[in-house]
Amino acid sequence: HHEEIESLALNIPGIKRIRFFMTFGQSYLTHLKCLE
């Protein structure tokens, strides 16, 4: 989820879908899962 999706959905006419993707390395994800 990312906040600009919320405003762009209102301010860009004709929108059918907006998505947000972010990259993460495996080391980050493994450590994050352990911490969780």
PDB file of all heavy atoms in Angstrom:
ATOM      1  N   HIS A   1       0.856  -1.187   0.000  1.00  0.00           N
ATOM      2  CA  HIS A   1       0.000   0.000   0.000  1.00  0.00           C
ATOM      3  C   HIS A   1       0.889   1.232   0.000  1.00  0.00           C
ATOM      4  O   HIS A   1       1.928   1.264   0.659  1.00  0.00           O
ATOM      5  CB  HIS A   1      -0.899   0.025   1.236  1.00  0.00           C
ATOM      6  CG  HIS A   1      -1.682   1.304   1.362  1.00  0.00           C
ATOM      7  ND1 HIS A   1      -2.793   1.572   0.605  1.00  0.00           N
ATOM      8  CD2 HIS A   1      -1.481   2.406   2.130  1.00  0.00           C
ATOM      9  CE1 HIS A   1      -3.258   2.771   0.902  1.00  0.00           C
ATOM     10  NE2 HIS A   1      -2.482   3.297   1.831  1.00  0.00           N
ATOM     11  N   HIS A   2       0.499   2.277  -0.738  1.00  0.00           N
ATOM     12  CA  HIS A   2       1.259   3.523  -0.706  1.00  0.00           C
ATOM     13  C   HIS A   2       0.320   4.686  -0.940  1.00  0.00           C
ATOM     14  O   HIS A   2      -0.636   4.590  -1.707  1.00  0.00           O
ATOM     15  CB  HIS A   2       2.381   3.511  -1.760  1.00  0.00           C
ATOM     16  CG  HIS A   2       3.687   3.971  -1.220  1.00  0.00           C
ATOM     17  ND1 HIS A   2       4.296   5.120  -1.629  1.00  0.00           N
ATOM     18  CD2 HIS A   2       4.492   3.447  -0.284  1.00  0.00           C
ATOM     19  CE1 HIS A   2       5.444   5.257  -0.970  1.00  0.00           C
ATOM     20  NE2 HIS A   2       5.592   4.276  -0.158  1.00  0.00           N
ATOM     21  N   GLU A   3       0.603   5.811  -0.284  1.00  0.00           N
ATOM     22  CA  GLU A   3      -0.387   6.874  -0.202  1.00  0.00           C
ATOM     23  C   GLU A   3      -0.712   7.552  -1.525  1.00  0.00           C
ATOM     24  O   GLU A   3      -1.834   8.026  -1.712  1.00  0.00           O
ATOM     25  CB  GLU A   3       0.016   7.935   0.840  1.00  0.00           C
ATOM     26  CG  GLU A   3       1.366   8.609   0.602  1.00  0.00           C
ATOM     27  CD  GLU A   3       2.441   8.117   1.528  1.00  0.00           C
ATOM     28  OE1 GLU A   3       2.609   6.883   1.567  1.00  0.00           O
ATOM     29  OE2 GLU A   3       3.122   8.906   2.184  1.00  0.00           O
ATOM     30  N   GLU A   4       0.251   7.640  -2.459  1.00  0.00           N
ATOM     31  CA  GLU A   4      -0.079   8.341  -3.693  1.00  0.00           C
ATOM     32  C   GLU A   4      -1.145   7.628  -4.518  1.00  0.00           C
ATOM     33  O   GLU A   4      -1.789   8.232  -5.360  1.00  0.00           O
ATOM     34  CB  GLU A   4       1.163   8.618  -4.549  1.00  0.00           C
ATOM     35  CG  GLU A   4       1.829   7.397  -5.151  1.00  0.00           C
ATOM     36  CD  GLU A   4       3.008   6.945  -4.322  1.00  0.00           C
ATOM     37  OE1 GLU A   4       2.828   6.791  -3.091  1.00  0.00           O
ATOM     38  OE2 GLU A   4       4.084   6.730  -4.888  1.00  0.00           O
ATOM     39  N   ILE A   5      -1.338   6.334  -4.276  1.00  0.00           N
ATOM     40  CA  ILE A   5      -2.420   5.624  -4.948  1.00  0.00           C
ATOM     41  C   ILE A   5      -3.746   6.309  -4.639  1.00  0.00           C
ATOM     42  O   ILE A   5      -4.595   6.492  -5.514  1.00  0.00           O
ATOM     43  CB  ILE A   5      -2.477   4.145  -4.491  1.00  0.00           C
ATOM     44  CG1 ILE A   5      -1.193   3.412  -4.874  1.00  0.00           C
ATOM     45  CG2 ILE A   5      -3.696   3.448  -5.096  1.00  0.00           C
ATOM     46  CD1 ILE A   5      -1.146   1.981  -4.357  1.00  0.00           C
ATOM     47  N   GLU A   6      -3.918   6.706  -3.388  1.00  0.00           N
ATOM     48  CA  GLU A   6      -5.162   7.308  -2.921  1.00  0.00           C
ATOM     49  C   GLU A   6      -5.464   8.612  -3.652  1.00  0.00           C
ATOM     50  O   GLU A   6      -6.598   8.840  -4.095  1.00  0.00           O
ATOM     51  CB  GLU A   6      -5.068   7.537  -1.417  1.00  0.00           C
ATOM     52  CG  GLU A   6      -6.353   7.893  -0.746  1.00  0.00           C
ATOM     53  CD  GLU A   6      -6.191   8.057   0.756  1.00  0.00           C
ATOM     54  OE1 GLU A   6      -5.065   7.912   1.272  1.00  0.00           O
ATOM     55  OE2 GLU A   6      -7.202   8.350   1.418  1.00  0.00           O
ATOM     56  N   SER A   7      -4.466   9.489  -3.797  1.00  0.00           N
ATOM     57  CA  SER A   7      -4.715  10.775  -4.438  1.00  0.00           C
ATOM     58  C   SER A   7      -4.776  10.654  -5.957  1.00  0.00           C
ATOM     59  O   SER A   7      -5.597  11.306  -6.607  1.00  0.00           O
ATOM     60  CB  SER A   7      -3.649  11.801  -4.024  1.00  0.00           C
ATOM     61  OG  SER A   7      -2.368  11.449  -4.490  1.00  0.00           O
ATOM     62  N   LEU A   8      -3.920   9.823  -6.539  1.00  0.00           N
ATOM     63  CA  LEU A   8      -3.944   9.663  -7.997  1.00  0.00           C
ATOM     64  C   LEU A   8      -5.252   9.058  -8.483  1.00  0.00           C
ATOM     65  O   LEU A   8      -5.734   9.385  -9.562  1.00  0.00           O
ATOM     66  CB  LEU A   8      -2.762   8.804  -8.460  1.00  0.00           C
ATOM     67  CG  LEU A   8      -1.376   9.433  -8.323  1.00  0.00           C
ATOM     68  CD1 LEU A   8      -0.291   8.418  -8.682  1.00  0.00           C
ATOM     69  CD2 LEU A   8      -1.254  10.682  -9.192  1.00  0.00           C
ATOM     70  N   ALA A   9      -5.835   8.180  -7.682  1.00  0.00           N
ATOM     71  CA  ALA A   9      -7.121   7.580  -8.048  1.00  0.00           C
ATOM     72  C   ALA A   9      -8.203   8.647  -8.190  1.00  0.00           C
ATOM     73  O   ALA A   9      -9.147   8.487  -8.971  1.00  0.00           O
ATOM     74  CB  ALA A   9      -7.539   6.538  -7.015  1.00  0.00           C
ATOM     75  N   LEU A  10      -8.071   9.751  -7.448  1.00  0.00           N
ATOM     76  CA  LEU A  10      -9.031  10.842  -7.522  1.00  0.00           C
ATOM     77  C   LEU A  10      -8.683  11.865  -8.600  1.00  0.00           C
ATOM     78  O   LEU A  10      -9.584  12.455  -9.211  1.00  0.00           O
ATOM     79  CB  LEU A  10      -9.106  11.564  -6.171  1.00  0.00           C
ATOM     80  CG  LEU A  10      -9.666  10.780  -4.982  1.00  0.00           C
ATOM     81  CD1 LEU A  10      -9.590  11.636  -3.721  1.00  0.00           C
ATOM     82  CD2 LEU A  10     -11.097  10.351  -5.236  1.00  0.00           C
ATOM     83  N   ASN A  11      -7.386  12.064  -8.828  1.00  0.00           N
ATOM     84  CA  ASN A  11      -6.952  13.199  -9.643  1.00  0.00           C
ATOM     85  C   ASN A  11      -6.544  12.864 -11.073  1.00  0.00           C
ATOM     86  O   ASN A  11      -6.330  13.774 -11.876  1.00  0.00           O
ATOM     87  CB  ASN A  11      -5.790  13.911  -8.932  1.00  0.00           C
ATOM     88  CG  ASN A  11      -6.212  14.542  -7.618  1.00  0.00           C
ATOM     89  OD1 ASN A  11      -7.318  15.069  -7.500  1.00  0.00           O
ATOM     90  ND2 ASN A  11      -5.347  14.479  -6.614  1.00  0.00           N
ATOM     91  N   ILE A  12      -6.392  11.597 -11.410  1.00  0.00           N
ATOM     92  CA  ILE A  12      -6.066  11.202 -12.781  1.00  0.00           C
ATOM     93  C   ILE A  12      -7.312  10.571 -13.392  1.00  0.00           C
ATOM     94  O   ILE A  12      -7.701   9.461 -13.019  1.00  0.00           O
ATOM     95  CB  ILE A  12      -4.882  10.214 -12.826  1.00  0.00           C
ATOM     96  CG1 ILE A  12      -3.638  10.809 -12.164  1.00  0.00           C
ATOM     97  CG2 ILE A  12      -4.576   9.819 -14.272  1.00  0.00           C
ATOM     98  CD1 ILE A  12      -3.061  12.015 -12.841  1.00  0.00           C
ATOM     99  N   PRO A  13      -7.967  11.240 -14.343  1.00  0.00           N
ATOM    100  CA  PRO A  13      -9.207  10.701 -14.915  1.00  0.00           C
ATOM    101  C   PRO A  13      -8.958   9.442 -15.750  1.00  0.00           C
ATOM    102  O   PRO A  13      -7.899   9.276 -16.343  1.00  0.00           O
ATOM    103  CB  PRO A  13      -9.711  11.849 -15.804  1.00  0.00           C
ATOM    104  CG  PRO A  13      -8.481  12.661 -16.113  1.00  0.00           C
ATOM    105  CD  PRO A  13      -7.590  12.544 -14.914  1.00  0.00           C
ATOM    106  N   GLY A  14      -9.946   8.558 -15.762  1.00  0.00           N
ATOM    107  CA  GLY A  14      -9.866   7.350 -16.576  1.00  0.00           C
ATOM    108  C   GLY A  14      -9.185   6.177 -15.919  1.00  0.00           C
ATOM    109  O   GLY A  14      -9.058   5.106 -16.528  1.00  0.00           O
ATOM    110  N   ILE A  15      -8.738   6.331 -14.670  1.00  0.00           N
ATOM    111  CA  ILE A  15      -7.983   5.284 -13.977  1.00  0.00           C
ATOM    112  C   ILE A  15      -8.852   4.059 -13.698  1.00  0.00           C
ATOM    113  O   ILE A  15      -9.953   4.176 -13.167  1.00  0.00           O
ATOM    114  CB  ILE A  15      -7.375   5.816 -12.664  1.00  0.00           C
ATOM    115  CG1 ILE A  15      -6.110   6.611 -12.953  1.00  0.00           C
ATOM    116  CG2 ILE A  15      -7.043   4.699 -11.708  1.00  0.00           C
ATOM    117  CD1 ILE A  15      -4.953   5.767 -13.467  1.00  0.00           C
ATOM    118  N   LYS A  16      -8.329   2.887 -14.058  1.00  0.00           N
ATOM    119  CA  LYS A  16      -8.966   1.624 -13.728  1.00  0.00           C
ATOM    120  C   LYS A  16      -8.203   0.874 -12.634  1.00  0.00           C
ATOM    121  O   LYS A  16      -8.803   0.139 -11.854  1.00  0.00           O
ATOM    122  CB  LYS A  16      -9.064   0.745 -14.980  1.00  0.00           C
ATOM    123  CG  LYS A  16      -9.958   1.336 -16.072  1.00  0.00           C
ATOM    124  CD  LYS A  16      -9.987   0.429 -17.292  1.00  0.00           C
ATOM    125  CE  LYS A  16     -10.863   1.036 -18.389  1.00  0.00           C
ATOM    126  NZ  LYS A  16     -10.895   0.175 -19.598  1.00  0.00           N
ATOM    127  N   ARG A  17      -6.860   1.060 -12.604  1.00  0.00           N
ATOM    128  CA  ARG A  17      -6.070   0.363 -11.591  1.00  0.00           C
ATOM    129  C   ARG A  17      -4.762   1.111 -11.338  1.00  0.00           C
ATOM    130  O   ARG A  17      -4.123   1.595 -12.277  1.00  0.00           O
ATOM    131  CB  ARG A  17      -5.749  -1.069 -12.039  1.00  0.00           C
ATOM    132  CG  ARG A  17      -5.051  -1.913 -10.959  1.00  0.00           C
ATOM    133  CD  ARG A  17      -4.630  -3.274 -11.509  1.00  0.00           C
ATOM    134  NE  ARG A  17      -3.591  -3.129 -12.498  1.00  0.00           N
ATOM    135  CZ  ARG A  17      -3.444  -3.913 -13.560  1.00  0.00           C
ATOM    136  NH1 ARG A  17      -4.271  -4.906 -13.757  1.00  0.00           N
ATOM    137  NH2 ARG A  17      -2.456  -3.694 -14.426  1.00  0.00           N
ATOM    138  N   ILE A  18      -4.386   1.209 -10.056  1.00  0.00           N
ATOM    139  CA  ILE A  18      -3.089   1.755  -9.661  1.00  0.00           C
ATOM    140  C   ILE A  18      -2.478   0.824  -8.629  1.00  0.00           C
ATOM    141  O   ILE A  18      -3.137   0.427  -7.661  1.00  0.00           O
ATOM    142  CB  ILE A  18      -3.196   3.163  -9.037  1.00  0.00           C
ATOM    143  CG1 ILE A  18      -4.018   4.099  -9.898  1.00  0.00           C
ATOM    144  CG2 ILE A  18      -1.794   3.755  -8.849  1.00  0.00           C
ATOM    145  CD1 ILE A  18      -4.238   5.462  -9.273  1.00  0.00           C
ATOM    146  N   ARG A  19      -1.197   0.472  -8.835  1.00  0.00           N
ATOM    147  CA  ARG A  19      -0.479  -0.375  -7.891  1.00  0.00           C
ATOM    148  C   ARG A  19       0.890   0.213  -7.592  1.00  0.00           C
ATOM    149  O   ARG A  19       1.425   0.998  -8.375  1.00  0.00           O
ATOM    150  CB  ARG A  19      -0.309  -1.789  -8.470  1.00  0.00           C
ATOM    151  CG  ARG A  19      -1.606  -2.514  -8.742  1.00  0.00           C
ATOM    152  CD  ARG A  19      -1.402  -3.821  -9.437  1.00  0.00           C
ATOM    153  NE  ARG A  19      -0.701  -3.693 -10.720  1.00  0.00           N
ATOM    154  CZ  ARG A  19      -0.671  -4.642 -11.639  1.00  0.00           C
ATOM    155  NH1 ARG A  19      -1.276  -5.794 -11.439  1.00  0.00           N
ATOM    156  NH2 ARG A  19      -0.017  -4.449 -12.769  1.00  0.00           N
ATOM    157  N   PHE A  20       1.431  -0.202  -6.454  1.00  0.00           N
ATOM    158  CA  PHE A  20       2.759   0.243  -6.027  1.00  0.00           C
ATOM    159  C   PHE A  20       3.597  -0.979  -5.667  1.00  0.00           C
ATOM    160  O   PHE A  20       3.157  -1.847  -4.906  1.00  0.00           O
ATOM    161  CB  PHE A  20       2.647   1.175  -4.812  1.00  0.00           C
ATOM    162  CG  PHE A  20       3.966   1.661  -4.289  1.00  0.00           C
ATOM    163  CD1 PHE A  20       4.482   2.874  -4.699  1.00  0.00           C
ATOM    164  CD2 PHE A  20       4.700   0.906  -3.380  1.00  0.00           C
ATOM    165  CE1 PHE A  20       5.709   3.330  -4.217  1.00  0.00           C
ATOM    166  CE2 PHE A  20       5.919   1.349  -2.897  1.00  0.00           C
ATOM    167  CZ  PHE A  20       6.423   2.563  -3.316  1.00  0.00           C
ATOM    168  N   PHE A  21       4.813  -1.047  -6.223  1.00  0.00           N
ATOM    169  CA  PHE A  21       5.739  -2.137  -5.945  1.00  0.00           C
ATOM    170  C   PHE A  21       7.060  -1.578  -5.418  1.00  0.00           C
ATOM    171  O   PHE A  21       7.538  -0.543  -5.894  1.00  0.00           O
ATOM    172  CB  PHE A  21       6.028  -2.952  -7.212  1.00  0.00           C
ATOM    173  CG  PHE A  21       4.867  -3.720  -7.746  1.00  0.00           C
ATOM    174  CD1 PHE A  21       3.981  -3.137  -8.647  1.00  0.00           C
ATOM    175  CD2 PHE A  21       4.645  -5.033  -7.372  1.00  0.00           C
ATOM    176  CE1 PHE A  21       2.909  -3.843  -9.160  1.00  0.00           C
ATOM    177  CE2 PHE A  21       3.577  -5.753  -7.885  1.00  0.00           C
ATOM    178  CZ  PHE A  21       2.705  -5.156  -8.773  1.00  0.00           C
ATOM    179  N   MET A  22       7.668  -2.289  -4.473  1.00  0.00           N
ATOM    180  CA  MET A  22       8.978  -1.914  -3.945  1.00  0.00           C
ATOM    181  C   MET A  22       9.868  -3.154  -3.908  1.00  0.00           C
ATOM    182  O   MET A  22       9.399  -4.252  -3.611  1.00  0.00           O
ATOM    183  CB  MET A  22       8.846  -1.303  -2.550  1.00  0.00           C
ATOM    184  CG  MET A  22      10.158  -0.806  -1.947  1.00  0.00           C
ATOM    185  SD  MET A  22       9.951   0.023  -0.345  1.00  0.00           S
ATOM    186  CE  MET A  22       9.270   1.607  -0.867  1.00  0.00           C
ATOM    187  N   THR A  23      11.149  -2.956  -4.218  1.00  0.00           N
ATOM    188  CA  THR A  23      12.088  -4.074  -4.215  1.00  0.00           C
ATOM    189  C   THR A  23      12.644  -4.328  -2.818  1.00  0.00           C
ATOM    190  O   THR A  23      12.854  -3.398  -2.035  1.00  0.00           O
ATOM    191  CB  THR A  23      13.273  -3.831  -5.176  1.00  0.00           C
ATOM    192  OG1 THR A  23      14.027  -2.687  -4.734  1.00  0.00           O
ATOM    193  CG2 THR A  23      12.769  -3.595  -6.597  1.00  0.00           C
ATOM    194  N   PHE A  24      12.874  -5.594  -2.518  1.00  0.00           N
ATOM    195  CA  PHE A  24      13.530  -6.007  -1.284  1.00  0.00           C
ATOM    196  C   PHE A  24      14.427  -7.197  -1.573  1.00  0.00           C
ATOM    197  O   PHE A  24      14.040  -8.116  -2.313  1.00  0.00           O
ATOM    198  CB  PHE A  24      12.503  -6.402  -0.209  1.00  0.00           C
ATOM    199  CG  PHE A  24      11.607  -5.290   0.210  1.00  0.00           C
ATOM    200  CD1 PHE A  24      10.345  -5.155  -0.354  1.00  0.00           C
ATOM    201  CD2 PHE A  24      12.016  -4.374   1.152  1.00  0.00           C
ATOM    202  CE1 PHE A  24       9.507  -4.122   0.023  1.00  0.00           C
ATOM    203  CE2 PHE A  24      11.180  -3.330   1.532  1.00  0.00           C
ATOM    204  CZ  PHE A  24       9.925  -3.208   0.966  1.00  0.00           C
ATOM    205  N   GLY A  25      15.622  -7.191  -0.978  1.00  0.00           N
ATOM    206  CA  GLY A  25      16.526  -8.319  -1.101  1.00  0.00           C
ATOM    207  C   GLY A  25      16.152  -9.423  -0.126  1.00  0.00           C
ATOM    208  O   GLY A  25      15.480  -9.196   0.881  1.00  0.00           O
ATOM    209  N   GLN A  26      16.635 -10.627  -0.386  1.00  0.00           N
ATOM    210  CA  GLN A  26      16.280 -11.761   0.444  1.00  0.00           C
ATOM    211  C   GLN A  26      16.824 -11.619   1.862  1.00  0.00           C
ATOM    212  O   GLN A  26      16.177 -12.026   2.824  1.00  0.00           O
ATOM    213  CB  GLN A  26      16.781 -13.065  -0.187  1.00  0.00           C
ATOM    214  CG  GLN A  26      16.191 -14.322   0.466  1.00  0.00           C
ATOM    215  CD  GLN A  26      14.672 -14.305   0.499  1.00  0.00           C
ATOM    216  OE1 GLN A  26      14.015 -14.120  -0.525  1.00  0.00           O
ATOM    217  NE2 GLN A  26      14.080 -14.489   1.687  1.00  0.00           N
ATOM    218  N   SER A  27      18.003 -11.040   2.026  1.00  0.00           N
ATOM    219  CA  SER A  27      18.558 -10.857   3.364  1.00  0.00           C
ATOM    220  C   SER A  27      17.640  -9.979   4.208  1.00  0.00           C
ATOM    221  O   SER A  27      17.370 -10.283   5.381  1.00  0.00           O
ATOM    222  CB  SER A  27      19.955 -10.243   3.289  1.00  0.00           C
ATOM    223  OG  SER A  27      20.493 -10.014   4.582  1.00  0.00           O
ATOM    224  N   TYR A  28      17.152  -8.884   3.624  1.00  0.00           N
ATOM    225  CA  TYR A  28      16.234  -7.997   4.333  1.00  0.00           C
ATOM    226  C   TYR A  28      14.981  -8.755   4.766  1.00  0.00           C
ATOM    227  O   TYR A  28      14.558  -8.679   5.923  1.00  0.00           O
ATOM    228  CB  TYR A  28      15.860  -6.813   3.435  1.00  0.00           C
ATOM    229  CG  TYR A  28      14.839  -5.868   4.053  1.00  0.00           C
ATOM    230  CD1 TYR A  28      15.258  -4.715   4.705  1.00  0.00           C
ATOM    231  CD2 TYR A  28      13.478  -6.114   3.972  1.00  0.00           C
ATOM    232  CE1 TYR A  28      14.331  -3.838   5.270  1.00  0.00           C
ATOM    233  CE2 TYR A  28      12.545  -5.256   4.525  1.00  0.00           C
ATOM    234  CZ  TYR A  28      12.984  -4.122   5.174  1.00  0.00           C
ATOM    235  OH  TYR A  28      12.061  -3.268   5.741  1.00  0.00           O
ATOM    236  N   LEU A  29      14.389  -9.501   3.842  1.00  0.00           N
ATOM    237  CA  LEU A  29      13.141 -10.201   4.136  1.00  0.00           C
ATOM    238  C   LEU A  29      13.336 -11.294   5.185  1.00  0.00           C
ATOM    239  O   LEU A  29      12.483 -11.492   6.053  1.00  0.00           O
ATOM    240  CB  LEU A  29      12.562 -10.799   2.855  1.00  0.00           C
ATOM    241  CG  LEU A  29      12.141  -9.782   1.782  1.00  0.00           C
ATOM    242  CD1 LEU A  29      11.657 -10.508   0.534  1.00  0.00           C
ATOM    243  CD2 LEU A  29      11.064  -8.852   2.307  1.00  0.00           C
ATOM    244  N   THR A  30      14.463 -12.004   5.116  1.00  0.00           N
ATOM    245  CA  THR A  30      14.732 -13.058   6.098  1.00  0.00           C
ATOM    246  C   THR A  30      14.879 -12.477   7.495  1.00  0.00           C
ATOM    247  O   THR A  30      14.299 -12.982   8.464  1.00  0.00           O
ATOM    248  CB  THR A  30      16.002 -13.832   5.709  1.00  0.00           C
ATOM    249  OG1 THR A  30      15.819 -14.429   4.416  1.00  0.00           O
ATOM    250  CG2 THR A  30      16.293 -14.926   6.727  1.00  0.00           C
ATOM    251  N   HIS A  31      15.662 -11.408   7.604  1.00  0.00           N
ATOM    252  CA  HIS A  31      15.832 -10.771   8.917  1.00  0.00           C
ATOM    253  C   HIS A  31      14.514 -10.199   9.423  1.00  0.00           C
ATOM    254  O   HIS A  31      14.192 -10.321  10.620  1.00  0.00           O
ATOM    255  CB  HIS A  31      16.880  -9.660   8.825  1.00  0.00           C
ATOM    256  CG  HIS A  31      18.289 -10.148   8.849  1.00  0.00           C
ATOM    257  ND1 HIS A  31      18.914 -10.690   7.751  1.00  0.00           N
ATOM    258  CD2 HIS A  31      19.200 -10.192   9.868  1.00  0.00           C
ATOM    259  CE1 HIS A  31      20.149 -11.043   8.075  1.00  0.00           C
ATOM    260  NE2 HIS A  31      20.343 -10.753   9.347  1.00  0.00           N
ATOM    261  N   LEU A  32      13.740  -9.580   8.523  1.00  0.00           N
ATOM    262  CA  LEU A  32      12.471  -8.996   8.929  1.00  0.00           C
ATOM    263  C   LEU A  32      11.522 -10.065   9.464  1.00  0.00           C
ATOM    264  O   LEU A  32      10.853  -9.863  10.485  1.00  0.00           O
ATOM    265  CB  LEU A  32      11.820  -8.258   7.765  1.00  0.00           C
ATOM    266  CG  LEU A  32      10.485  -7.572   8.065  1.00  0.00           C
ATOM    267  CD1 LEU A  32      10.655  -6.497   9.130  1.00  0.00           C
ATOM    268  CD2 LEU A  32       9.887  -6.958   6.787  1.00  0.00           C
ATOM    269  N   LYS A  33      11.483 -11.209   8.798  1.00  0.00           N
ATOM    270  CA  LYS A  33      10.610 -12.288   9.242  1.00  0.00           C
ATOM    271  C   LYS A  33      11.031 -12.800  10.626  1.00  0.00           C
ATOM    272  O   LYS A  33      10.179 -13.044  11.487  1.00  0.00           O
ATOM    273  CB  LYS A  33      10.628 -13.440   8.233  1.00  0.00           C
ATOM    274  CG  LYS A  33       9.554 -14.504   8.503  1.00  0.00           C
ATOM    275  CD  LYS A  33       8.165 -13.890   8.340  1.00  0.00           C
ATOM    276  CE  LYS A  33       7.072 -14.857   8.540  1.00  0.00           C
ATOM    277  NZ  LYS A  33       5.714 -14.214   8.442  1.00  0.00           N
ATOM    278  N   CYS A  34      12.322 -12.942  10.838  1.00  0.00           N
ATOM    279  CA  CYS A  34      12.816 -13.372  12.145  1.00  0.00           C
ATOM    280  C   CYS A  34      12.433 -12.371  13.230  1.00  0.00           C
ATOM    281  O   CYS A  34      11.987 -12.752  14.322  1.00  0.00           O
ATOM    282  CB  CYS A  34      14.330 -13.560  12.106  1.00  0.00           C
ATOM    283  SG  CYS A  34      14.903 -14.944  11.117  1.00  0.00           S
ATOM    284  N   LEU A  35      12.610 -11.088  12.927  1.00  0.00           N
ATOM    285  CA  LEU A  35      12.264 -10.049  13.890  1.00  0.00           C
ATOM    286  C   LEU A  35      10.766 -10.037  14.186  1.00  0.00           C
ATOM    287  O   LEU A  35      10.347  -9.839  15.330  1.00  0.00           O
ATOM    288  CB  LEU A  35      12.728  -8.684  13.370  1.00  0.00           C
ATOM    289  CG  LEU A  35      14.247  -8.488  13.317  1.00  0.00           C
ATOM    290  CD1 LEU A  35      14.597  -7.267  12.477  1.00  0.00           C
ATOM    291  CD2 LEU A  35      14.829  -8.353  14.717  1.00  0.00           C
ATOM    292  N   GLU A  36       9.943 -10.235  13.153  1.00  0.00           N
ATOM    293  CA  GLU A  36       8.498 -10.336  13.358  1.00  0.00           C
ATOM    294  C   GLU A  36       8.153 -11.517  14.252  1.00  0.00           C
ATOM    295  O   GLU A  36       7.326 -11.408  15.171  1.00  0.00           O
ATOM    296  CB  GLU A  36       7.790 -10.490  12.010  1.00  0.00           C
ATOM    297  CG  GLU A  36       7.696  -9.222  11.177  1.00  0.00           C
ATOM    298  CD  GLU A  36       6.994  -9.468   9.859  1.00  0.00           C
ATOM    299  OE1 GLU A  36       6.889 -10.641   9.438  1.00  0.00           O
ATOM    300  OE2 GLU A  36       6.551  -8.486   9.226  1.00  0.00           O
TER     301      GLU A  36
END
